[in-house]
Structures are given as structure tokens and as C-alpha cells.
Amino acid sequence: MEFVTALRGNFDDQKPSLFELLSEQQLNSLLPPTLRYLLTVATQRYPRYLLRALNSFDELYALVMLLVERHYLRTRGGSFTEHFYGLKREKALHAEIPRAAATTPGIVRDTLKLSEKDVWKNLAVMVAIPYLKRKLDESHEIEAPRALLGTNYTRMPPNPTIKQRIMHYYKWFIRNVYPSVHAAYYFSIIAFNLAYLFDNTKYHNPFLWLISTRIRRMNSADFQAIEALSKPKLGNPPSSTSIFNPRTMGPKLLGSLSVLLPTSIFALKFLEWWYASDFAKQLSRKAAENLELPTPIVSGLSALGAKLQLKKSQRGETTKNNDNQENRAGLPLAENAPIATPSLLPILTVPPPEDSELCPICEDAITTATACQTGFVYCYACIHKWMEGTHPRQEEFMTDKAGKWESGQGRCAVTGRRVLGGTEGLRRIMV
């Protein structure tokens, strides 16, 4: 559309495209759910301190955004998401002044800069209206299903109080009137977006039209004014340059939000795509293709029963001390053990069983067979404890070898290879 406008001869290089504005709006709409999700995760760890904050999230978010957006409107001329995209807000003109904007951009900027009254009007559009819409949408999600249950859930109670009357009429408005208001709201936004796309209006939003404010691209005068904010004023004594100075820490912290918060949102969306897509699964599958799987050992059932009876009789005859000594003697030596790449320490492993129907860790018959990514099959309880590093065999061995050996946590008990995904990489075998 900018190419078509240039052909008409009235191209405005400071007018942002509709796609820039829609990208900024989409980024701004991601802030509440992202912060709510982070607060929910933190509340699960510390519910005693954060549960009230989570229940009042909308009010706290509106209050914080009121302070942040007011700071950015007064210093940068736009919201902090608009500043991230290089946009600003200014007063609307009845006619364009391209010559004055090209020759004296500083004077034009000071003339069209938002006044204190305009700042509060924009705060009402940026903070108050989205907060009101979130509360109305939440009420509609609650009250709309109740209308399907019958009049017993929607009629006014007998002898109602003033508060009950107000709540009754409010719920009636939510059920019957608000859907039409909601549809008209989005229809007006679509109409203004189309008119803005074809250069029939200066506003892409009906609320900006009501307060006579338009969004423009930042120019050299705006960047110079932002740089002047960080410089000391003439006539004032030089202040401390420490980052912990209370006079400079607040503006610097608020100024960093325009880069830090959108970047963190992009990082969260990337992680969401990473774990939801098949790319990560294919990558882990390719990493596991190079693992050398051992050849299974097949044995008869009769031999297995004889070995189990012999093992039980031997355990009944030996004492507990002799059993511990035999276990210590059967552990691998440091010369034969695999070496961990980051720490260069030998890894605790167990020898493969002579019988594939025995668990390599407990050396008993496998119960609840679970396969590791290396191909070895263990008891589910044994390999799960081994992966967590809490198996009694590991704890006994590491009592006097801490710092000299690796316990094998997160690794296959036989090969010592790292298991991708930890315990999530284990697979139950259903026979």
C-alpha cells in the first residue's frame, strides 16, 4: 500500500503501515497472559505470598501499566511496546505540513507533543478500556452459560436489596446487551483498519479518533530528545553515575522494559514452539540413532528359575555385612568405567546381566519392565531411582567417593550414556 500511495504523490514516510500497528497490538496483547502465566507458576511454589496477587491480577496489572505507560508517554511519546517498534503518539492535524516537518523537525515535535491532558486521555484508551473489556469478557463467560439453565438462575430474588438490583441489571446487560456491544466494537476496529489501509483516515482505531491522537514513526528529533534525557542538565551539579543511584535507577529500569519485556515474550513463544513442534523430537531422535544397542541375551525359563532359587538360598546363608562387601567388590574400577565429558570423572555403572530377564541394577526378575534409550530394560522403580540419583546402590557407593566419581544420575545404568529428557525418556514396555 505504501507503493500505491507513492504513485499518487502524497507519500508520508512517517506514517506507519497497518502491519506495523497490528504487530504492536499483538505484542501488547501477549503481555497479560504471559505475566499471568509466570505469576501462576510462581504461586504454585509460594502460594502463601502470591495467591492474593494472582486473584487480583487484573487490578495489579492495570495499576503497573498505568505507571509504566505514563512514564513512556511523557518521556518517549508512546507506549513501551510502541517504543519497541519505533512508534510514537502525537496530536492529529487537519492538514499535513511536510515542509515544516522536514526543515524544523524539533519545532514540529514540540508543537505536536502530547500535553498532560492528552497523556491522561491516552492512558484511558491504553489502560482503562482494556481493563474494562477484560472484566466484561470474564463476566460474560460466567453469566452466559447460566442463561441456558432456566429462569431460576436469572430472575431477581424476592425483596431484593439495592446491591442485588444492581447486580441483577448488570448480569442482564452482560447476557443480552454486551454481545452486541462486543460485536460493534470489533466491527468498528475492522472498519477503521480498512480505512487506514486505503489512506481514507489518519486513525486505525476509533478510540484514537475520539481523542484526536494518531500514531507516527519516530524521527531524528525524537531520538535526540530521548538521548537528551540521559544527559545532565546545564547548571545542575553532576550526580553519581552508579546504577544504584535512586534518582537514576527508576528511569533506567522503566526504560529497559521496552527491550527486556518484549524480548522475553519472544523467548517464551520460541520455547512454546520448540516443545510443541516436531523439530525437537526429530533432533532427539537423530541424536539417539548413533547409540550402539547391545545384543539381547536369550535364556530358558528353567535356567532362570534355577538361578533365582540359587540366588535366594545364597542370600539367606550370607550375612548383611558380607553382602555389602560383595556388592562393593562387584563395582567397576575407575580404569574400566566410562568418563563424563564435562567433569572428566568416572561414571558409576553396573555390569550387564547374564540373563536378559534380570534387572541389571537389582539383579532380580524384572517387574514393570521399562526400556531406556540405550536398549537396556530395567525395573521401573530401579531405573527411575537411578535416574534421580537416589538408588540405595548409588548412595552407598558415593558415601566416600563424592567428587571422585559421578553417581550416574540422569544416565543409563549400564552404558553411562546421558538419557535425553531424564525420566521422561523412559518407556514402559507393555506385553
Protein backbone atom coordinates (compact mmCIF):
# COMPACT_ATOMS: atom_id res chain seq x y z
CA MET A 1 0.00 0.00 0.00
CA GLU A 2 2.95 2.37 0.52
CA PHE A 3 3.91 1.83 -3.15
CA VAL A 4 0.40 2.78 -4.29
CA THR A 5 0.48 5.86 -2.06
CA ALA A 6 3.83 6.92 -3.54
CA LEU A 7 2.37 6.71 -7.04
CA ARG A 8 -0.39 9.12 -6.00
CA GLY A 9 2.22 11.68 -4.98
CA ASN A 10 1.33 12.10 -1.27
CA PHE A 11 3.62 9.53 0.33
CA ASP A 12 4.17 10.09 4.06
CA ASP A 13 7.31 8.38 5.31
CA GLN A 14 6.39 8.93 8.97
CA LYS A 15 3.05 7.16 8.66
CA PRO A 16 3.42 3.56 9.90
CA SER A 17 1.90 0.76 7.89
CA LEU A 18 -1.08 -1.15 9.18
CA PHE A 19 1.04 -4.26 9.61
CA GLU A 20 3.40 -2.43 11.97
CA LEU A 21 0.43 -1.33 14.07
CA LEU A 22 -1.08 -4.81 14.11
CA SER A 23 2.27 -6.30 15.17
CA GLU A 24 2.49 -3.80 18.02
CA GLN A 25 -1.07 -4.60 19.10
CA GLN A 26 -0.38 -8.33 19.02
CA LEU A 27 2.74 -7.88 21.15
CA ASN A 28 0.79 -5.73 23.60
CA SER A 29 -1.97 -8.34 23.83
CA LEU A 30 0.59 -11.02 24.76
CA LEU A 31 1.68 -9.17 27.91
CA PRO A 32 -1.27 -10.01 30.25
CA PRO A 33 -1.38 -13.79 29.59
CA THR A 34 2.42 -14.06 29.74
CA LEU A 35 2.70 -12.26 33.06
CA ARG A 36 -0.30 -14.18 34.43
CA TYR A 37 1.33 -17.48 33.47
CA LEU A 38 4.61 -16.53 35.16
CA LEU A 39 2.73 -15.42 38.27
CA THR A 40 0.76 -18.70 38.28
CA VAL A 41 3.98 -20.74 38.16
CA ALA A 42 5.46 -18.68 41.00
CA THR A 43 2.24 -19.01 43.02
CA GLN A 44 2.47 -22.80 42.86
CA ARG A 45 5.80 -22.53 44.69
CA TYR A 46 4.88 -19.75 47.12
CA PRO A 47 1.06 -19.75 47.44
CA ARG A 48 1.15 -18.11 50.85
CA TYR A 49 2.64 -14.90 49.48
CA LEU A 50 1.40 -14.72 45.87
CA LEU A 51 -2.14 -16.13 45.94
CA ARG A 52 -3.73 -12.75 46.67
CA ALA A 53 -1.71 -11.14 43.90
CA LEU A 54 -2.86 -13.82 41.44
CA ASN A 55 -6.52 -13.34 42.42
CA SER A 56 -6.18 -9.56 41.87
CA PHE A 57 -4.02 -9.83 38.77
CA ASP A 58 -6.17 -7.59 36.55
CA GLU A 59 -6.16 -4.75 39.05
CA LEU A 60 -2.42 -5.03 39.76
CA TYR A 61 -1.60 -5.24 36.06
CA ALA A 62 -3.71 -2.14 35.31
CA LEU A 63 -2.01 -0.21 38.12
CA VAL A 64 1.50 -1.20 36.99
CA MET A 65 0.72 -0.43 33.35
CA LEU A 66 -0.71 2.94 34.37
CA LEU A 67 2.64 3.90 35.90
CA VAL A 68 4.76 2.42 33.11
CA GLU A 69 2.70 3.84 30.23
CA ARG A 70 2.52 7.27 31.85
CA HIS A 71 6.32 7.33 32.11
CA TYR A 72 6.72 6.31 28.46
CA LEU A 73 4.08 8.76 27.20
CA ARG A 74 5.78 11.64 28.97
CA THR A 75 9.37 10.74 28.03
CA ARG A 76 9.11 8.76 24.75
CA GLY A 77 5.76 9.96 23.43
CA GLY A 78 4.22 6.48 23.16
CA SER A 79 3.67 3.20 24.96
CA PHE A 80 6.64 0.98 25.67
CA THR A 81 5.55 -1.58 23.05
CA GLU A 82 5.19 1.25 20.52
CA HIS A 83 8.65 2.48 21.50
CA PHE A 84 9.94 -1.07 20.84
CA TYR A 85 8.70 -0.73 17.22
CA GLY A 86 9.96 2.88 16.88
CA LEU A 87 6.49 4.47 17.04
CA LYS A 88 5.12 7.46 18.93
CA ARG A 89 1.84 9.29 19.56
CA GLU A 90 1.17 12.90 18.68
CA LYS A 91 -1.72 15.31 18.23
CA ALA A 92 -3.61 14.98 14.97
CA LEU A 93 -3.56 17.80 12.41
CA HIS A 94 -6.29 18.81 9.97
CA ALA A 95 -3.67 19.11 7.23
CA GLU A 96 -0.15 17.79 6.81
CA ILE A 97 2.90 20.07 6.99
CA PRO A 98 5.65 18.14 5.19
CA ARG A 99 7.91 21.17 4.61
CA ALA A 100 7.91 22.24 8.25
CA ALA A 101 8.48 18.63 9.38
CA ALA A 102 11.49 18.36 7.04
CA THR A 103 13.12 21.71 7.83
CA THR A 104 12.34 22.17 11.53
CA PRO A 105 11.52 18.73 12.98
CA GLY A 106 12.30 19.86 16.54
CA ILE A 107 9.74 22.68 16.50
CA VAL A 108 7.10 20.42 14.94
CA ARG A 109 7.79 17.77 17.58
CA ASP A 110 7.39 20.24 20.45
CA THR A 111 4.19 21.59 18.91
CA LEU A 112 2.56 18.20 18.39
CA LYS A 113 3.83 16.70 21.63
CA LEU A 114 1.16 15.27 23.93
CA SER A 115 0.13 17.59 26.74
CA GLU A 116 -0.64 16.37 30.25
CA LYS A 117 -4.34 16.26 29.38
CA ASP A 118 -3.63 14.26 26.23
CA VAL A 119 -1.47 11.84 28.26
CA TRP A 120 -4.38 11.02 30.56
CA LYS A 121 -6.72 10.60 27.58
CA ASN A 122 -4.30 8.10 26.05
CA LEU A 123 -3.95 6.31 29.38
CA ALA A 124 -7.72 5.89 29.45
CA VAL A 125 -7.57 4.30 25.99
CA MET A 126 -4.47 2.18 26.68
CA VAL A 127 -5.18 1.02 30.25
CA ALA A 128 -8.77 1.69 31.36
CA ILE A 129 -10.60 0.38 28.28
CA PRO A 130 -8.60 -2.91 28.04
CA TYR A 131 -9.10 -3.47 31.79
CA LEU A 132 -12.85 -2.85 31.46
CA LYS A 133 -13.04 -5.17 28.46
CA ARG A 134 -11.22 -7.99 30.30
CA LYS A 135 -13.64 -7.73 33.23
CA LEU A 136 -16.68 -7.69 30.93
CA ASP A 137 -15.39 -10.69 28.97
CA GLU A 138 -14.79 -12.56 32.20
CA SER A 139 -18.32 -11.78 33.43
CA HIS A 140 -19.81 -12.88 30.09
CA GLU A 141 -18.00 -16.23 30.27
CA ILE A 142 -19.59 -16.78 33.68
CA GLU A 143 -23.10 -15.46 33.06
CA ALA A 144 -23.74 -16.67 29.50
CA PRO A 145 -23.95 -20.40 30.44
CA ARG A 146 -26.35 -19.62 33.30
CA ALA A 147 -28.92 -18.30 30.84
CA LEU A 148 -29.20 -21.84 29.43
CA LEU A 149 -30.15 -23.26 32.84
CA GLY A 150 -33.54 -21.54 33.04
CA THR A 151 -35.17 -18.57 34.75
CA ASN A 152 -34.35 -19.86 38.24
CA TYR A 153 -30.77 -18.72 37.71
CA THR A 154 -31.55 -15.39 36.01
CA ARG A 155 -34.59 -13.89 37.77
CA MET A 156 -34.38 -11.31 40.52
CA PRO A 157 -34.67 -12.66 44.08
CA PRO A 158 -37.74 -11.68 46.17
CA ASN A 159 -37.40 -8.48 48.24
CA PRO A 160 -34.06 -7.58 46.68
CA THR A 161 -31.69 -5.07 48.18
CA ILE A 162 -30.13 -2.22 46.21
CA LYS A 163 -26.96 -4.23 45.64
CA GLN A 164 -28.95 -7.23 44.39
CA ARG A 165 -30.89 -4.98 41.99
CA ILE A 166 -27.70 -3.51 40.60
CA MET A 167 -26.14 -6.97 40.16
CA HIS A 168 -29.33 -8.27 38.50
CA TYR A 169 -29.39 -5.47 35.93
CA TYR A 170 -25.63 -5.81 35.40
CA LYS A 171 -25.97 -9.55 34.68
CA TRP A 172 -28.92 -8.83 32.37
CA PHE A 173 -26.74 -6.35 30.48
CA ILE A 174 -23.92 -8.91 30.24
CA ARG A 175 -26.23 -11.63 28.86
CA ASN A 176 -28.37 -9.58 26.47
CA VAL A 177 -26.63 -6.34 25.51
CA TYR A 178 -22.91 -6.93 25.84
CA PRO A 179 -22.63 -9.43 22.91
CA SER A 180 -23.94 -6.73 20.57
CA VAL A 181 -21.60 -4.13 22.07
CA HIS A 182 -18.71 -6.58 21.71
CA ALA A 183 -19.53 -7.21 18.04
CA ALA A 184 -19.89 -3.48 17.33
CA TYR A 185 -16.51 -2.85 18.99
CA TYR A 186 -14.67 -5.26 16.71
CA PHE A 187 -16.67 -4.17 13.65
CA SER A 188 -15.62 -0.55 14.23
CA ILE A 189 -11.97 -1.62 14.60
CA ILE A 190 -12.12 -3.54 11.31
CA ALA A 191 -13.74 -0.56 9.58
CA PHE A 192 -11.06 1.84 10.81
CA ASN A 193 -8.29 -0.61 9.86
CA LEU A 194 -9.59 -0.88 6.30
CA ALA A 195 -10.00 2.89 6.03
CA TYR A 196 -6.46 3.40 7.35
CA LEU A 197 -5.11 0.79 4.94
CA PHE A 198 -6.52 2.72 1.93
CA ASP A 199 -5.48 6.15 3.31
CA ASN A 200 -9.03 7.30 3.98
CA THR A 201 -8.35 8.17 7.63
CA LYS A 202 -5.44 9.08 9.89
CA TYR A 203 -6.60 6.77 12.68
CA HIS A 204 -6.50 2.99 12.79
CA ASN A 205 -8.58 2.83 15.97
CA PRO A 206 -11.91 4.52 16.80
CA PHE A 207 -10.75 5.49 20.29
CA LEU A 208 -7.75 7.36 18.87
CA TRP A 209 -10.19 9.22 16.63
CA LEU A 210 -12.22 10.23 19.70
CA ILE A 211 -9.17 11.69 21.48
CA SER A 212 -7.63 13.15 18.27
CA THR A 213 -4.35 11.26 18.60
CA ARG A 214 -2.51 9.44 15.84
CA ILE A 215 0.50 7.13 15.76
CA ARG A 216 3.60 8.11 13.78
CA ARG A 217 7.11 6.83 13.21
CA MET A 218 9.87 8.34 15.30
CA ASN A 219 12.26 10.74 13.53
CA SER A 220 15.68 12.17 14.29
CA ALA A 221 14.26 14.85 16.60
CA ASP A 222 12.61 12.18 18.75
CA PHE A 223 15.82 10.18 19.11
CA GLN A 224 17.76 13.31 20.01
CA ALA A 225 15.19 14.18 22.66
CA ILE A 226 15.45 10.66 24.14
CA GLU A 227 19.24 10.90 24.25
CA ALA A 228 18.98 14.28 25.99
CA LEU A 229 17.03 12.64 28.83
CA SER A 230 20.10 10.65 29.93
CA LYS A 231 22.41 13.67 29.85
CA PRO A 232 22.71 16.00 32.88
CA LYS A 233 21.01 19.36 32.52
CA LEU A 234 23.06 22.51 32.31
CA GLY A 235 23.52 24.28 35.66
CA ASN A 236 22.91 21.16 37.74
CA PRO A 237 25.81 19.59 39.68
CA PRO A 238 26.97 16.22 38.28
CA SER A 239 25.23 13.36 40.03
CA SER A 240 26.54 9.91 40.87
CA THR A 241 26.87 7.53 37.91
CA SER A 242 26.17 4.41 39.97
CA ILE A 243 23.37 2.18 38.74
CA PHE A 244 22.03 2.00 42.31
CA ASN A 245 21.50 5.75 42.49
CA PRO A 246 17.80 6.19 43.43
CA ARG A 247 17.47 9.17 41.06
CA THR A 248 18.59 7.21 38.02
CA MET A 249 17.68 3.64 38.87
CA GLY A 250 13.92 4.15 38.37
CA PRO A 251 14.10 5.78 34.90
CA LYS A 252 16.73 3.28 33.76
CA LEU A 253 14.62 0.35 34.94
CA LEU A 254 11.49 1.67 33.22
CA GLY A 255 13.49 2.47 30.09
CA SER A 256 14.82 -1.08 29.86
CA LEU A 257 11.30 -2.53 29.84
CA SER A 258 10.80 -1.57 26.19
CA VAL A 259 13.52 -4.07 25.21
CA LEU A 260 13.58 -6.57 28.07
CA LEU A 261 9.89 -7.45 28.27
CA PRO A 262 9.18 -7.90 24.52
CA THR A 263 12.39 -9.92 24.16
CA SER A 264 11.34 -12.21 27.00
CA ILE A 265 7.95 -12.70 25.33
CA PHE A 266 9.64 -13.69 22.08
CA ALA A 267 11.80 -16.14 24.05
CA LEU A 268 8.72 -17.70 25.69
CA LYS A 269 6.95 -18.02 22.35
CA PHE A 270 10.08 -19.65 20.89
CA LEU A 271 10.18 -22.17 23.75
CA GLU A 272 6.47 -22.86 23.25
CA TRP A 273 7.08 -23.54 19.56
CA TRP A 274 10.15 -25.66 20.36
CA TYR A 275 8.31 -28.03 22.68
CA ALA A 276 5.13 -28.10 20.57
CA SER A 277 6.79 -28.73 17.17
CA ASP A 278 8.26 -31.92 15.79
CA PHE A 279 11.68 -30.33 15.26
CA ALA A 280 12.84 -31.05 18.83
CA LYS A 281 11.53 -34.61 18.64
CA GLN A 282 13.33 -35.22 15.34
CA LEU A 283 16.54 -33.75 16.77
CA SER A 284 16.43 -36.02 19.82
CA ARG A 285 15.61 -38.98 17.57
CA LYS A 286 18.65 -38.29 15.40
CA ALA A 287 20.83 -37.98 18.48
CA ALA A 288 19.65 -41.39 19.66
CA GLU A 289 20.24 -43.06 16.29
CA ASN A 290 24.01 -43.27 16.88
CA LEU A 291 23.64 -45.20 20.14
CA GLU A 292 25.01 -48.74 19.92
CA LEU A 293 22.32 -51.08 21.20
CA PRO A 294 23.55 -54.29 22.89
CA THR A 295 22.68 -57.72 21.57
CA PRO A 296 19.94 -59.29 23.74
CA ILE A 297 20.81 -62.46 25.67
CA VAL A 298 18.14 -65.15 25.37
CA SER A 299 17.88 -67.84 28.02
CA GLY A 300 15.43 -70.53 29.00
CA LEU A 301 12.81 -70.28 31.71
CA SER A 302 14.13 -73.31 33.55
CA ALA A 303 17.60 -71.82 33.87
CA LEU A 304 16.07 -68.59 35.13
CA GLY A 305 14.14 -70.43 37.87
CA ALA A 306 17.24 -72.32 38.94
CA LYS A 307 19.28 -69.11 39.12
CA LEU A 308 16.61 -67.36 41.18
CA GLN A 309 16.41 -70.24 43.67
CA LEU A 310 20.18 -70.38 43.93
CA LYS A 311 20.41 -66.61 44.49
CA LYS A 312 17.75 -66.70 47.23
CA SER A 313 19.48 -69.54 49.03
CA GLN A 314 22.81 -67.72 48.89
CA ARG A 315 21.26 -64.55 50.27
CA GLY A 316 19.70 -66.49 53.12
CA GLU A 317 23.02 -68.01 54.13
CA THR A 318 25.21 -64.88 53.94
CA THR A 319 25.02 -62.03 56.45
CA LYS A 320 24.33 -58.38 55.71
CA ASN A 321 27.98 -57.33 56.07
CA ASN A 322 29.21 -59.98 53.65
CA ASP A 323 26.52 -58.91 51.19
CA ASN A 324 27.71 -55.30 51.29
CA GLN A 325 31.29 -56.41 50.74
CA GLU A 326 30.33 -58.49 47.72
CA ASN A 327 28.43 -55.55 46.26
CA ARG A 328 31.45 -53.30 46.71
CA ALA A 329 33.71 -55.89 45.10
CA GLY A 330 31.43 -56.15 42.04
CA LEU A 331 31.53 -52.44 41.23
CA PRO A 332 33.57 -51.32 38.19
CA LEU A 333 37.04 -49.95 38.55
CA ALA A 334 37.91 -46.40 37.59
CA GLU A 335 40.07 -47.66 34.71
CA ASN A 336 37.16 -49.53 33.10
CA ALA A 337 34.39 -47.04 33.88
CA PRO A 338 33.16 -44.54 31.22
CA ILE A 339 34.35 -40.96 31.65
CA ALA A 340 31.98 -37.98 31.88
CA THR A 341 32.72 -35.29 29.29
CA PRO A 342 32.30 -32.10 31.36
CA SER A 343 33.82 -33.26 34.67
CA LEU A 344 36.26 -35.96 33.37
CA LEU A 345 35.24 -38.19 36.28
CA PRO A 346 34.45 -41.92 36.04
CA ILE A 347 30.73 -42.73 35.95
CA LEU A 348 29.21 -45.34 38.23
CA THR A 349 27.74 -48.15 36.12
CA VAL A 350 26.57 -51.70 36.67
CA PRO A 351 27.65 -54.70 34.57
CA PRO A 352 25.12 -56.01 32.05
CA PRO A 353 23.21 -59.07 33.28
CA GLU A 354 23.99 -62.54 32.04
CA ASP A 355 20.26 -63.07 31.60
CA SER A 356 18.13 -60.51 29.72
CA GLU A 357 15.19 -61.28 32.00
CA LEU A 358 17.06 -59.93 35.05
CA CYS A 359 17.29 -56.28 36.00
CA PRO A 360 20.90 -55.05 35.74
CA ILE A 361 20.51 -52.90 38.87
CA CYS A 362 18.79 -55.15 41.40
CA GLU A 363 19.72 -58.43 39.59
CA ASP A 364 16.25 -59.82 40.23
CA ALA A 365 13.46 -60.67 37.82
CA ILE A 366 12.25 -57.53 36.04
CA THR A 367 9.00 -56.11 37.41
CA THR A 368 7.17 -53.42 35.41
CA ALA A 369 9.66 -53.59 32.55
CA THR A 370 10.93 -50.17 31.43
CA ALA A 371 13.23 -49.59 28.45
CA CYS A 372 15.97 -46.98 28.40
CA GLN A 373 17.01 -45.16 25.22
CA THR A 374 20.13 -47.34 25.06
CA GLY A 375 18.05 -50.52 24.71
CA PHE A 376 18.54 -52.00 28.18
CA VAL A 377 15.45 -52.99 30.16
CA TYR A 378 15.16 -52.41 33.91
CA CYS A 379 12.59 -52.48 36.66
CA TYR A 380 10.69 -49.21 36.60
CA ALA A 381 11.43 -48.43 40.25
CA CYS A 382 15.14 -49.23 39.86
CA ILE A 383 15.82 -47.15 36.75
CA HIS A 384 13.65 -44.28 37.96
CA LYS A 385 15.58 -44.07 41.25
CA TRP A 386 18.86 -44.45 39.35
CA MET A 387 17.96 -41.59 37.02
CA GLU A 388 17.07 -39.43 40.02
CA GLY A 389 20.31 -40.41 41.78
CA THR A 390 18.52 -41.79 44.84
CA HIS A 391 19.01 -45.54 44.38
CA PRO A 392 20.48 -47.22 47.53
CA ARG A 393 23.26 -48.69 45.44
CA GLN A 394 24.31 -45.22 44.29
CA GLU A 395 24.04 -43.66 47.74
CA GLU A 396 26.12 -46.43 49.32
CA PHE A 397 28.83 -46.14 46.69
CA MET A 398 29.02 -42.33 46.79
CA THR A 399 29.37 -42.06 50.58
CA ASP A 400 33.18 -41.92 50.38
CA LYS A 401 33.64 -41.10 46.67
CA ALA A 402 31.95 -37.70 46.37
CA GLY A 403 33.96 -35.52 43.98
CA LYS A 404 35.88 -38.56 42.67
CA TRP A 405 33.06 -40.35 40.84
CA GLU A 406 29.79 -39.37 39.18
CA SER A 407 26.79 -41.19 40.60
CA GLY A 408 25.26 -41.87 37.19
CA GLN A 409 22.30 -39.55 37.77
CA GLY A 410 20.48 -38.91 34.50
CA ARG A 411 22.41 -41.67 32.73
CA CYS A 412 21.85 -45.25 31.67
CA ALA A 413 22.91 -47.58 34.49
CA VAL A 414 24.84 -49.95 32.16
CA THR A 415 26.37 -47.74 29.45
CA GLY A 416 26.64 -44.48 31.39
CA ARG A 417 25.21 -42.54 28.43
CA ARG A 418 23.12 -39.45 29.08
CA VAL A 419 19.37 -40.14 28.71
CA LEU A 420 17.65 -37.36 26.77
CA GLY A 421 14.73 -35.95 28.70
CA GLY A 422 15.70 -37.55 32.02
CA THR A 423 12.97 -39.75 33.45
CA GLU A 424 10.67 -38.56 30.65
CA GLY A 425 12.88 -40.53 28.24
CA LEU A 426 11.98 -43.86 29.88
CA ARG A 427 9.34 -46.02 28.19
CA ARG A 428 7.19 -48.67 29.81
CA ILE A 429 7.05 -51.98 27.94
CA MET A 430 3.53 -53.35 27.59
CA VAL A 431 3.49 -57.11 26.92
